[in-house]
Amino acid sequence: MSDPRTRIDTSTPHSARFWNYFVGGEDHYEVDRRLGDEIKEIFPGLVDVAVASRRFLGRAVRHLATEAGLRQFLDVGTGLPTADNTHQVAQRVAPDARVVYVDNDPVVLAHAGALLTSTPEGMTTFLDADLHEPEAVLEAAAGTLDLTRPVALMILNTLGHVPDHDQARDMVRRLLAGLPSGSHLVISDSTATSEGMIAASEAYNASGAVPYHVRSIGEIAAYFDGLDLVDPGIVQVPEWRPDVQGPTDPATAAVDAYCGVGRKP
C-alpha cells in the first residue's frame, strides 16, 4: 500500500482536519483554519457542536462499557485522533476491551498510528476500509472482534458524507445485520435545526471540501428503526446522560446536533 501521506491534498479544506481544528487538535493546515474561521463568523455555534459531540462519544462509550457491559467497539469513520478516543475511554473502564477503527481517508490513515495503542489485556486495530462496503468492513473487523458477541457500532459525525439519506440508512442497516442481539448503535450528527447551521453547511460545501449534508431530527431517528432506544432517546448531544459540568461550559448549551444509542433486540 502506498504511503497515505502522498495522497493528502493541502490545497483544499478537509473535513477531518477542519473538525480537528474545531475541537482544539493540532492536525490541520492553513486552508482548514481559514475556512474554520470563516464559518465561525457565520455560525459560532459549530464549535459547540464539535466539542459537545466529542464529549458525547466519551459518555456513550463509558455507558456501554459499564452499564451495558460491552467489550467490543467498532468505530466507523474514525476521524483524526484527539484526546479520549474510543479505545482510551473504553479501556479505562474495561482494560480487556477490543476496539476496531475504520476509515479510508488518507489524512486519517496517515495518523492512524496514534490510535494503535492498547492495554495489555485489550486490543486496538485500524482498518483501511469504506463505510460504503458494510460487508467488507464486517469481514475485516472479524479479525479482531468476535461477531457472535455484542458489539458497539459507533458512527459519529460521519453519515453526512453520504448524500442520500436512504443510502446512509441502508449502510447502517447492513452493518447492524452482521452483529448479534445485544449490540448497540451509537450515532451523532449535525442537524438542519437552525438558520445558522444551514448557512454554515452551505459555506462548507461551497469551499471545495467533500460535501457534508446536515439531516433533520427525524432522519437521525430513522437510523434507529427496529432498535430499542436507550434513555433518554434521540436528543441534542449535550442532553444525552450529561456529566456534571459548569454552567458556562459551552458543551452544556443547546446545539444543532442530535444523537442516540439503540440496542439491537
C-alpha atoms as a PDB file:
ATOM      1  CA  MET A   1       0.000   0.000   0.000  1.00  0.00           C
ATOM      2  CA  SER A   2       1.284   3.466  -0.860  1.00  0.00           C
ATOM      3  CA  ASP A   3       2.094   5.925   1.887  1.00  0.00           C
ATOM      4  CA  PRO A   4      -1.224   7.725   2.562  1.00  0.00           C
ATOM      5  CA  ARG A   5       0.665  10.951   3.201  1.00  0.00           C
ATOM      6  CA  THR A   6       1.442  11.140  -0.524  1.00  0.00           C
ATOM      7  CA  ARG A   7      -2.315  11.339  -1.240  1.00  0.00           C
ATOM      8  CA  ILE A   8      -3.040  14.253   1.113  1.00  0.00           C
ATOM      9  CA  ASP A   9      -4.265  17.412  -0.600  1.00  0.00           C
ATOM     10  CA  THR A  10      -3.376  20.506   1.425  1.00  0.00           C
ATOM     11  CA  SER A  11      -4.793  22.954  -1.130  1.00  0.00           C
ATOM     12  CA  THR A  12      -8.470  22.449  -0.227  1.00  0.00           C
ATOM     13  CA  PRO A  13     -10.189  22.131   3.156  1.00  0.00           C
ATOM     14  CA  HIS A  14     -10.686  18.667   4.585  1.00  0.00           C
ATOM     15  CA  SER A  15     -13.464  17.563   6.928  1.00  0.00           C
ATOM     16  CA  ALA A  16     -11.303  15.616   9.401  1.00  0.00           C
ATOM     17  CA  ARG A  17      -8.734  18.424   9.640  1.00  0.00           C
ATOM     18  CA  PHE A  18     -11.491  21.067   9.820  1.00  0.00           C
ATOM     19  CA  TRP A  19     -13.187  19.186  12.695  1.00  0.00           C
ATOM     20  CA  ASN A  20      -9.825  18.647  14.371  1.00  0.00           C
ATOM     21  CA  TYR A  21      -9.296  22.419  14.350  1.00  0.00           C
ATOM     22  CA  PHE A  22     -12.696  22.974  15.966  1.00  0.00           C
ATOM     23  CA  VAL A  23     -12.058  20.510  18.812  1.00  0.00           C
ATOM     24  CA  GLY A  24      -8.650  22.007  19.595  1.00  0.00           C
ATOM     25  CA  GLY A  25      -6.441  19.468  17.849  1.00  0.00           C
ATOM     26  CA  GLU A  26      -3.160  20.128  16.061  1.00  0.00           C
ATOM     27  CA  ASP A  27      -3.548  18.245  12.763  1.00  0.00           C
ATOM     28  CA  HIS A  28      -4.759  20.909  10.332  1.00  0.00           C
ATOM     29  CA  TYR A  29      -3.431  23.281   7.706  1.00  0.00           C
ATOM     30  CA  GLU A  30      -3.904  26.959   6.930  1.00  0.00           C
ATOM     31  CA  VAL A  31      -6.659  26.184   4.418  1.00  0.00           C
ATOM     32  CA  ASP A  32      -8.627  24.343   7.128  1.00  0.00           C
ATOM     33  CA  ARG A  33      -8.118  27.104   9.700  1.00  0.00           C
ATOM     34  CA  ARG A  34      -9.127  29.773   7.196  1.00  0.00           C
ATOM     35  CA  LEU A  35     -12.396  28.004   6.434  1.00  0.00           C
ATOM     36  CA  GLY A  36     -12.930  27.309  10.127  1.00  0.00           C
ATOM     37  CA  ASP A  37     -12.538  30.974  10.981  1.00  0.00           C
ATOM     38  CA  GLU A  38     -14.867  31.951   8.145  1.00  0.00           C
ATOM     39  CA  ILE A  39     -17.538  29.587   9.400  1.00  0.00           C
ATOM     40  CA  LYS A  40     -17.092  30.768  12.987  1.00  0.00           C
ATOM     41  CA  GLU A  41     -18.080  34.215  11.713  1.00  0.00           C
ATOM     42  CA  ILE A  42     -21.190  32.759  10.081  1.00  0.00           C
ATOM     43  CA  PHE A  43     -22.130  30.385  12.887  1.00  0.00           C
ATOM     44  CA  PRO A  44     -20.024  30.372  16.066  1.00  0.00           C
ATOM     45  CA  GLY A  45     -22.208  27.567  17.426  1.00  0.00           C
ATOM     46  CA  LEU A  46     -20.475  25.000  15.216  1.00  0.00           C
ATOM     47  CA  VAL A  47     -17.564  24.981  17.659  1.00  0.00           C
ATOM     48  CA  ASP A  48     -20.005  23.984  20.412  1.00  0.00           C
ATOM     49  CA  VAL A  49     -21.339  21.221  18.156  1.00  0.00           C
ATOM     50  CA  ALA A  50     -17.819  19.839  17.717  1.00  0.00           C
ATOM     51  CA  VAL A  51     -16.955  19.970  21.420  1.00  0.00           C
ATOM     52  CA  ALA A  52     -20.305  18.589  22.586  1.00  0.00           C
ATOM     53  CA  SER A  53     -20.195  15.758  20.045  1.00  0.00           C
ATOM     54  CA  ARG A  54     -16.750  14.724  21.248  1.00  0.00           C
ATOM     55  CA  ARG A  55     -17.927  14.650  24.840  1.00  0.00           C
ATOM     56  CA  PHE A  56     -20.960  12.588  23.867  1.00  0.00           C
ATOM     57  CA  LEU A  57     -18.599   9.955  22.473  1.00  0.00           C
ATOM     58  CA  GLY A  58     -16.956   9.633  25.875  1.00  0.00           C
ATOM     59  CA  ARG A  59     -20.238   9.389  27.765  1.00  0.00           C
ATOM     60  CA  ALA A  60     -21.670   6.826  25.352  1.00  0.00           C
ATOM     61  CA  VAL A  61     -18.582   4.624  25.472  1.00  0.00           C
ATOM     62  CA  ARG A  62     -18.479   4.766  29.274  1.00  0.00           C
ATOM     63  CA  HIS A  63     -22.148   3.772  29.444  1.00  0.00           C
ATOM     64  CA  LEU A  64     -21.663   0.862  27.062  1.00  0.00           C
ATOM     65  CA  ALA A  65     -18.556  -0.417  28.834  1.00  0.00           C
ATOM     66  CA  THR A  66     -20.081  -0.121  32.310  1.00  0.00           C
ATOM     67  CA  GLU A  67     -23.871  -0.376  32.392  1.00  0.00           C
ATOM     68  CA  ALA A  68     -24.223  -2.380  29.165  1.00  0.00           C
ATOM     69  CA  GLY A  69     -21.114  -4.482  29.794  1.00  0.00           C
ATOM     70  CA  LEU A  70     -19.831  -4.331  26.209  1.00  0.00           C
ATOM     71  CA  ARG A  71     -16.211  -5.199  25.492  1.00  0.00           C
ATOM     72  CA  GLN A  72     -16.139  -4.761  21.695  1.00  0.00           C
ATOM     73  CA  PHE A  73     -16.295  -1.472  19.778  1.00  0.00           C
ATOM     74  CA  LEU A  74     -16.409  -0.874  16.025  1.00  0.00           C
ATOM     75  CA  ASP A  75     -15.765   2.830  15.332  1.00  0.00           C
ATOM     76  CA  VAL A  76     -16.589   3.616  11.685  1.00  0.00           C
ATOM     77  CA  GLY A  77     -15.479   6.989  10.341  1.00  0.00           C
ATOM     78  CA  THR A  78     -12.779   7.449  12.922  1.00  0.00           C
ATOM     79  CA  GLY A  79     -11.570  10.935  12.123  1.00  0.00           C
ATOM     80  CA  LEU A  80      -8.303  12.326  13.404  1.00  0.00           C
ATOM     81  CA  PRO A  81      -7.158  11.263  16.874  1.00  0.00           C
ATOM     82  CA  THR A  82      -7.519  13.770  19.679  1.00  0.00           C
ATOM     83  CA  ALA A  83      -7.882  13.252  23.430  1.00  0.00           C
ATOM     84  CA  ASP A  84     -10.067  10.459  24.799  1.00  0.00           C
ATOM     85  CA  ASN A  85     -10.538   8.383  21.685  1.00  0.00           C
ATOM     86  CA  THR A  86     -12.876   5.383  21.814  1.00  0.00           C
ATOM     87  CA  HIS A  87     -10.212   2.867  22.863  1.00  0.00           C
ATOM     88  CA  GLN A  88      -8.871   5.123  25.609  1.00  0.00           C
ATOM     89  CA  VAL A  89     -12.303   5.668  27.154  1.00  0.00           C
ATOM     90  CA  ALA A  90     -13.319   2.009  26.814  1.00  0.00           C
ATOM     91  CA  GLN A  91     -10.079   0.532  28.162  1.00  0.00           C
ATOM     92  CA  ARG A  92     -10.009   2.960  31.052  1.00  0.00           C
ATOM     93  CA  VAL A  93     -13.257   1.334  32.190  1.00  0.00           C
ATOM     94  CA  ALA A  94     -12.637  -2.167  30.837  1.00  0.00           C
ATOM     95  CA  PRO A  95      -8.960  -2.944  30.176  1.00  0.00           C
ATOM     96  CA  ASP A  96      -9.906  -6.027  28.150  1.00  0.00           C
ATOM     97  CA  ALA A  97     -11.962  -4.022  25.609  1.00  0.00           C
ATOM     98  CA  ARG A  98     -11.250  -4.581  21.933  1.00  0.00           C
ATOM     99  CA  VAL A  99     -11.601  -1.641  19.543  1.00  0.00           C
ATOM    100  CA  VAL A 100     -11.523  -1.568  15.754  1.00  0.00           C
ATOM    101  CA  TYR A 101     -11.269   1.791  13.995  1.00  0.00           C
ATOM    102  CA  VAL A 102     -12.395   2.057  10.365  1.00  0.00           C
ATOM    103  CA  ASP A 103     -11.598   4.804   7.879  1.00  0.00           C
ATOM    104  CA  ASN A 104     -10.304   5.074   4.316  1.00  0.00           C
ATOM    105  CA  ASP A 105      -9.388   8.730   4.303  1.00  0.00           C
ATOM    106  CA  PRO A 106      -5.683   9.318   3.525  1.00  0.00           C
ATOM    107  CA  VAL A 107      -5.450  12.101   6.123  1.00  0.00           C
ATOM    108  CA  VAL A 108      -6.817   9.823   8.836  1.00  0.00           C
ATOM    109  CA  LEU A 109      -4.721   6.861   7.680  1.00  0.00           C
ATOM    110  CA  ALA A 110      -1.558   8.957   7.933  1.00  0.00           C
ATOM    111  CA  HIS A 111      -2.309   9.498  11.627  1.00  0.00           C
ATOM    112  CA  ALA A 112      -3.637   6.034  12.392  1.00  0.00           C
ATOM    113  CA  GLY A 113      -0.544   5.062  14.346  1.00  0.00           C
ATOM    114  CA  ALA A 114      -1.592   7.413  17.134  1.00  0.00           C
ATOM    115  CA  LEU A 115      -4.669   5.236  17.672  1.00  0.00           C
ATOM    116  CA  LEU A 116      -2.849   1.915  17.744  1.00  0.00           C
ATOM    117  CA  THR A 117      -2.202   1.725  21.454  1.00  0.00           C
ATOM    118  CA  SER A 118      -3.857  -0.638  23.860  1.00  0.00           C
ATOM    119  CA  THR A 119      -3.819  -2.058  27.339  1.00  0.00           C
ATOM    120  CA  PRO A 120      -2.072  -5.442  27.554  1.00  0.00           C
ATOM    121  CA  GLU A 121      -5.445  -7.122  28.196  1.00  0.00           C
ATOM    122  CA  GLY A 122      -7.247  -5.488  25.266  1.00  0.00           C
ATOM    123  CA  MET A 123      -6.591  -4.808  21.592  1.00  0.00           C
ATOM    124  CA  THR A 124      -6.818  -1.855  19.211  1.00  0.00           C
ATOM    125  CA  THR A 125      -6.616  -2.173  15.425  1.00  0.00           C
ATOM    126  CA  PHE A 126      -7.199   0.107  12.435  1.00  0.00           C
ATOM    127  CA  LEU A 127      -8.789  -0.897   9.126  1.00  0.00           C
ATOM    128  CA  ASP A 128      -8.410   0.878   5.804  1.00  0.00           C
ATOM    129  CA  ALA A 129     -11.999   0.203   4.744  1.00  0.00           C
ATOM    130  CA  ASP A 130     -15.034   2.031   3.372  1.00  0.00           C
ATOM    131  CA  LEU A 131     -18.415   2.660   5.006  1.00  0.00           C
ATOM    132  CA  HIS A 132     -19.958   2.169   1.554  1.00  0.00           C
ATOM    133  CA  GLU A 133     -18.965  -1.528   1.729  1.00  0.00           C
ATOM    134  CA  PRO A 134     -20.514  -2.705   5.030  1.00  0.00           C
ATOM    135  CA  GLU A 135     -19.992  -6.417   4.461  1.00  0.00           C
ATOM    136  CA  ALA A 136     -16.284  -5.885   3.733  1.00  0.00           C
ATOM    137  CA  VAL A 137     -15.983  -3.785   6.913  1.00  0.00           C
ATOM    138  CA  LEU A 138     -17.543  -6.567   8.971  1.00  0.00           C
ATOM    139  CA  GLU A 139     -15.390  -9.257   7.378  1.00  0.00           C
ATOM    140  CA  ALA A 140     -12.217  -7.321   8.152  1.00  0.00           C
ATOM    141  CA  ALA A 141     -13.357  -6.421  11.676  1.00  0.00           C
ATOM    142  CA  ALA A 142     -13.914 -10.116  12.414  1.00  0.00           C
ATOM    143  CA  GLY A 143     -10.155 -10.482  12.519  1.00  0.00           C
ATOM    144  CA  THR A 144     -10.191  -8.637  15.853  1.00  0.00           C
ATOM    145  CA  LEU A 145     -13.783  -8.812  17.101  1.00  0.00           C
ATOM    146  CA  ASP A 146     -15.931 -11.850  17.841  1.00  0.00           C
ATOM    147  CA  LEU A 147     -19.046 -11.003  15.843  1.00  0.00           C
ATOM    148  CA  THR A 148     -21.064 -13.659  17.642  1.00  0.00           C
ATOM    149  CA  ARG A 149     -20.864 -11.449  20.763  1.00  0.00           C
ATOM    150  CA  PRO A 150     -22.350  -7.950  21.183  1.00  0.00           C
ATOM    151  CA  VAL A 151     -20.532  -5.055  19.547  1.00  0.00           C
ATOM    152  CA  ALA A 152     -20.925  -1.292  19.943  1.00  0.00           C
ATOM    153  CA  LEU A 153     -21.181   0.184  16.444  1.00  0.00           C
ATOM    154  CA  MET A 154     -20.052   3.817  16.628  1.00  0.00           C
ATOM    155  CA  ILE A 155     -20.777   6.153  13.674  1.00  0.00           C
ATOM    156  CA  LEU A 156     -20.236   9.707  14.841  1.00  0.00           C
ATOM    157  CA  ASN A 157     -20.376  12.773  12.603  1.00  0.00           C
ATOM    158  CA  THR A 158     -19.770  10.637   9.535  1.00  0.00           C
ATOM    159  CA  LEU A 159     -23.047   9.784   7.799  1.00  0.00           C
ATOM    160  CA  GLY A 160     -23.454  13.333   6.483  1.00  0.00           C
ATOM    161  CA  HIS A 161     -20.809  12.471   3.895  1.00  0.00           C
ATOM    162  CA  VAL A 162     -23.360  10.143   2.286  1.00  0.00           C
ATOM    163  CA  PRO A 163     -25.519  12.468   0.143  1.00  0.00           C
ATOM    164  CA  ASP A 164     -28.592  10.250   0.028  1.00  0.00           C
ATOM    165  CA  HIS A 165     -30.212   9.587   3.408  1.00  0.00           C
ATOM    166  CA  ASP A 166     -31.828   6.326   2.282  1.00  0.00           C
ATOM    167  CA  GLN A 167     -28.416   5.079   1.195  1.00  0.00           C
ATOM    168  CA  ALA A 168     -26.952   6.075   4.559  1.00  0.00           C
ATOM    169  CA  ARG A 169     -29.752   4.200   6.352  1.00  0.00           C
ATOM    170  CA  ASP A 170     -29.061   1.134   4.226  1.00  0.00           C
ATOM    171  CA  MET A 171     -25.376   1.177   5.169  1.00  0.00           C
ATOM    172  CA  VAL A 172     -26.271   1.314   8.844  1.00  0.00           C
ATOM    173  CA  ARG A 173     -28.827  -1.477   8.418  1.00  0.00           C
ATOM    174  CA  ARG A 174     -26.292  -3.726   6.666  1.00  0.00           C
ATOM    175  CA  LEU A 175     -23.662  -3.158   9.349  1.00  0.00           C
ATOM    176  CA  LEU A 176     -26.176  -3.977  12.091  1.00  0.00           C
ATOM    177  CA  ALA A 177     -27.325  -7.063  10.192  1.00  0.00           C
ATOM    178  CA  GLY A 178     -23.912  -8.621  10.763  1.00  0.00           C
ATOM    179  CA  LEU A 179     -23.975  -8.006  14.519  1.00  0.00           C
ATOM    180  CA  PRO A 180     -25.795 -10.128  17.122  1.00  0.00           C
ATOM    181  CA  SER A 181     -28.574  -9.302  19.554  1.00  0.00           C
ATOM    182  CA  GLY A 182     -27.321  -7.097  22.367  1.00  0.00           C
ATOM    183  CA  SER A 183     -25.179  -4.994  20.050  1.00  0.00           C
ATOM    184  CA  HIS A 184     -25.650  -1.231  20.250  1.00  0.00           C
ATOM    185  CA  LEU A 185     -25.700   1.545  17.650  1.00  0.00           C
ATOM    186  CA  VAL A 186     -24.283   4.961  18.590  1.00  0.00           C
ATOM    187  CA  ILE A 187     -24.849   7.884  16.208  1.00  0.00           C
ATOM    188  CA  SER A 188     -24.454  11.630  16.465  1.00  0.00           C
ATOM    189  CA  ASP A 189     -24.640  14.155  13.656  1.00  0.00           C
ATOM    190  CA  SER A 190     -25.212  17.799  12.853  1.00  0.00           C
ATOM    191  CA  THR A 191     -28.793  18.776  12.142  1.00  0.00           C
ATOM    192  CA  ALA A 192     -30.502  21.398   9.993  1.00  0.00           C
ATOM    193  CA  THR A 193     -32.255  22.840  13.028  1.00  0.00           C
ATOM    194  CA  SER A 194     -31.244  26.492  12.724  1.00  0.00           C
ATOM    195  CA  GLU A 195     -30.592  29.027  10.002  1.00  0.00           C
ATOM    196  CA  GLY A 196     -27.036  29.360  11.297  1.00  0.00           C
ATOM    197  CA  MET A 197     -26.247  25.680  10.869  1.00  0.00           C
ATOM    198  CA  ILE A 198     -27.786  25.614   7.403  1.00  0.00           C
ATOM    199  CA  ALA A 199     -25.729  28.658   6.376  1.00  0.00           C
ATOM    200  CA  ALA A 200     -22.565  27.085   7.822  1.00  0.00           C
ATOM    201  CA  SER A 201     -23.247  23.857   5.932  1.00  0.00           C
ATOM    202  CA  GLU A 202     -23.726  25.744   2.677  1.00  0.00           C
ATOM    203  CA  ALA A 203     -20.476  27.671   3.185  1.00  0.00           C
ATOM    204  CA  TYR A 204     -18.580  24.472   3.976  1.00  0.00           C
ATOM    205  CA  ASN A 205     -19.954  22.660   0.930  1.00  0.00           C
ATOM    206  CA  ALA A 206     -19.025  25.607  -1.311  1.00  0.00           C
ATOM    207  CA  SER A 207     -15.397  25.540  -0.112  1.00  0.00           C
ATOM    208  CA  GLY A 208     -14.212  22.666  -2.281  1.00  0.00           C
ATOM    209  CA  ALA A 209     -14.200  20.174   0.581  1.00  0.00           C
ATOM    210  CA  VAL A 210     -16.095  16.898   0.227  1.00  0.00           C
ATOM    211  CA  PRO A 211     -19.695  17.989   0.962  1.00  0.00           C
ATOM    212  CA  TYR A 212     -21.375  17.237   4.261  1.00  0.00           C
ATOM    213  CA  HIS A 213     -25.168  17.041   4.425  1.00  0.00           C
ATOM    214  CA  VAL A 214     -26.885  18.015   7.667  1.00  0.00           C
ATOM    215  CA  ARG A 215     -30.032  15.987   8.445  1.00  0.00           C
ATOM    216  CA  SER A 216     -33.366  16.552  10.108  1.00  0.00           C
ATOM    217  CA  ILE A 217     -34.059  15.198  13.594  1.00  0.00           C
ATOM    218  CA  GLY A 218     -36.420  12.666  12.027  1.00  0.00           C
ATOM    219  CA  GLU A 219     -33.683  11.433   9.719  1.00  0.00           C
ATOM    220  CA  ILE A 220     -31.346  10.925  12.687  1.00  0.00           C
ATOM    221  CA  ALA A 221     -34.114   8.979  14.466  1.00  0.00           C
ATOM    222  CA  ALA A 222     -34.658   6.790  11.392  1.00  0.00           C
ATOM    223  CA  TYR A 223     -31.232   5.207  11.788  1.00  0.00           C
ATOM    224  CA  PHE A 224     -32.554   3.555  14.950  1.00  0.00           C
ATOM    225  CA  ASP A 225     -35.620   1.915  13.377  1.00  0.00           C
ATOM    226  CA  GLY A 226     -36.034  -1.571  14.830  1.00  0.00           C
ATOM    227  CA  LEU A 227     -33.757  -0.897  17.806  1.00  0.00           C
ATOM    228  CA  ASP A 228     -34.616  -0.321  21.452  1.00  0.00           C
ATOM    229  CA  LEU A 229     -33.602   3.246  22.240  1.00  0.00           C
ATOM    230  CA  VAL A 230     -31.582   3.755  25.395  1.00  0.00           C
ATOM    231  CA  ASP A 231     -32.915   6.572  27.595  1.00  0.00           C
ATOM    232  CA  PRO A 232     -33.166   9.489  27.014  1.00  0.00           C
ATOM    233  CA  GLY A 233     -33.740   8.631  23.343  1.00  0.00           C
ATOM    234  CA  ILE A 234     -32.986  10.965  20.425  1.00  0.00           C
ATOM    235  CA  VAL A 235     -31.816  14.236  21.971  1.00  0.00           C
ATOM    236  CA  GLN A 236     -29.392  17.087  21.447  1.00  0.00           C
ATOM    237  CA  VAL A 237     -25.913  15.746  22.163  1.00  0.00           C
ATOM    238  CA  PRO A 238     -25.364  17.594  25.473  1.00  0.00           C
ATOM    239  CA  GLU A 239     -28.642  16.139  26.777  1.00  0.00           C
ATOM    240  CA  TRP A 240     -27.593  12.502  26.467  1.00  0.00           C
ATOM    241  CA  ARG A 241     -26.779  11.479  30.064  1.00  0.00           C
ATOM    242  CA  PRO A 242     -24.814  14.675  30.770  1.00  0.00           C
ATOM    243  CA  ASP A 243     -21.934  14.746  33.170  1.00  0.00           C
ATOM    244  CA  VAL A 244     -21.936  17.393  35.898  1.00  0.00           C
ATOM    245  CA  GLN A 245     -20.486  20.469  34.187  1.00  0.00           C
ATOM    246  CA  GLY A 246     -20.187  24.128  34.969  1.00  0.00           C
ATOM    247  CA  PRO A 247     -22.932  26.470  33.743  1.00  0.00           C
ATOM    248  CA  THR A 248     -20.511  28.315  31.473  1.00  0.00           C
ATOM    249  CA  ASP A 249     -19.318  25.160  29.734  1.00  0.00           C
ATOM    250  CA  PRO A 250     -20.297  25.558  26.033  1.00  0.00           C
ATOM    251  CA  ALA A 251     -20.914  21.820  25.780  1.00  0.00           C
ATOM    252  CA  THR A 252     -23.978  22.221  28.004  1.00  0.00           C
ATOM    253  CA  ALA A 253     -25.639  24.682  25.614  1.00  0.00           C
ATOM    254  CA  ALA A 254     -28.264  23.797  23.034  1.00  0.00           C
ATOM    255  CA  VAL A 255     -26.560  22.737  19.803  1.00  0.00           C
ATOM    256  CA  ASP A 256     -27.578  21.811  16.269  1.00  0.00           C
ATOM    257  CA  ALA A 257     -26.602  18.170  16.647  1.00  0.00           C
ATOM    258  CA  TYR A 258     -28.625  15.167  17.779  1.00  0.00           C
ATOM    259  CA  CYS A 259     -27.656  11.722  18.924  1.00  0.00           C
ATOM    260  CA  GLY A 260     -28.934   8.411  20.159  1.00  0.00           C
ATOM    261  CA  VAL A 261     -27.946   4.992  21.399  1.00  0.00           C
ATOM    262  CA  GLY A 262     -30.008   1.958  20.480  1.00  0.00           C
ATOM    263  CA  ARG A 263     -29.835  -1.721  21.407  1.00  0.00           C
ATOM    264  CA  LYS A 264     -30.423  -4.476  18.843  1.00  0.00           C
ATOM    265  CA  PRO A 265     -33.135  -6.820  20.242  1.00  0.00           C
END
